[in-house]
Amino acid sequence: MSTTAIGQERQLTLPADVSEAAGLKPGDRVEWRFEDGEIRGRKLPKPKWTKAQAMRALEQSPLRFTASWDQLKKETR
């Protein structure tokens, strides 16, 4: 059985044998839940869109903002 300690910022490092068994790699996302007295995590699937694809979709969206962030802040204050 592998153990780890939780740091001051509630961060922890998964033991290598656990992360390897789960197939986790740097950048992977894990969903956590507390169930039946246990902390359980599951590897989330990779997003279907890349960041570039998502940015392109936002730029092409008719719902996008036409003002800059600074303009929006100025207008709402």
Protein backbone atom coordinates (compact mmCIF):
# COMPACT_ATOMS: atom_id res chain seq x y z
CA MET A 1 0.00 0.00 0.00
CA SER A 2 1.29 3.45 -0.93
CA THR A 3 0.83 6.50 1.30
CA THR A 4 1.30 10.21 0.88
CA ALA A 5 0.98 13.34 3.02
CA ILE A 6 -1.22 16.33 2.29
CA GLY A 7 0.66 19.64 2.25
CA GLN A 8 -0.33 23.01 3.72
CA GLU A 9 -2.16 24.01 0.52
CA ARG A 10 -4.05 20.67 0.46
CA GLN A 11 -1.83 19.45 -2.35
CA LEU A 12 -0.60 15.92 -2.59
CA THR A 13 1.64 13.87 -4.82
CA LEU A 14 0.28 10.58 -6.07
CA PRO A 15 2.68 7.71 -5.57
CA ALA A 16 4.31 6.62 -8.83
CA ASP A 17 2.84 3.12 -8.72
CA VAL A 18 -0.70 4.52 -8.34
CA SER A 19 -0.38 7.10 -11.13
CA GLU A 20 1.23 4.53 -13.44
CA ALA A 21 -1.50 1.97 -12.73
CA ALA A 22 -4.14 4.62 -13.54
CA GLY A 23 -2.30 5.65 -16.70
CA LEU A 24 -1.98 9.27 -15.51
CA LYS A 25 0.40 11.64 -17.26
CA PRO A 26 1.30 15.30 -16.60
CA GLY A 27 -1.60 17.53 -17.67
CA ASP A 28 -4.27 14.86 -17.20
CA ARG A 29 -7.38 15.90 -15.26
CA VAL A 30 -8.80 13.90 -12.34
CA GLU A 31 -12.32 14.20 -10.94
CA TRP A 32 -12.55 13.64 -7.16
CA ARG A 33 -15.47 12.63 -4.94
CA PHE A 34 -16.03 11.39 -1.41
CA GLU A 35 -18.17 8.25 -1.38
CA ASP A 36 -18.77 5.52 1.19
CA GLY A 37 -16.06 6.91 3.46
CA GLU A 38 -13.43 6.87 0.69
CA ILE A 39 -11.87 9.53 -1.51
CA ARG A 40 -12.17 8.38 -5.10
CA GLY A 41 -10.68 9.86 -8.21
CA ARG A 42 -11.13 9.06 -11.87
CA LYS A 43 -9.17 10.14 -14.89
CA LEU A 44 -11.25 12.39 -17.12
CA PRO A 45 -11.22 11.90 -20.86
CA LYS A 46 -9.24 14.34 -22.95
CA PRO A 47 -11.30 17.27 -24.27
CA LYS A 48 -12.54 16.73 -27.79
CA TRP A 49 -11.37 20.16 -28.88
CA THR A 50 -7.88 21.55 -28.71
CA LYS A 51 -7.36 24.98 -27.22
CA ALA A 52 -6.80 26.38 -30.74
CA GLN A 53 -10.10 24.87 -31.94
CA ALA A 54 -11.97 26.31 -28.97
CA MET A 55 -10.46 29.77 -29.49
CA ARG A 56 -11.35 29.67 -33.19
CA ALA A 57 -14.96 28.73 -32.34
CA LEU A 58 -15.17 31.61 -29.85
CA GLU A 59 -13.82 34.07 -32.40
CA GLN A 60 -16.41 32.95 -34.96
CA SER A 61 -19.34 32.92 -32.53
CA PRO A 62 -22.06 35.52 -33.10
CA LEU A 63 -22.35 35.75 -29.30
CA ARG A 64 -18.83 37.11 -28.81
CA PHE A 65 -18.14 40.46 -27.18
CA THR A 66 -17.41 43.30 -29.58
CA ALA A 67 -15.90 45.54 -26.91
CA SER A 68 -12.57 45.08 -25.17
CA TRP A 69 -12.40 44.01 -21.54
CA ASP A 70 -11.34 47.53 -20.53
CA GLN A 71 -14.32 49.02 -22.38
CA LEU A 72 -16.74 46.60 -20.69
CA LYS A 73 -15.32 47.44 -17.24
CA LYS A 74 -15.59 51.17 -17.95
CA GLU A 75 -19.21 50.88 -19.14
CA THR A 76 -20.33 48.84 -16.14
CA ARG A 77 -18.85 50.98 -13.40
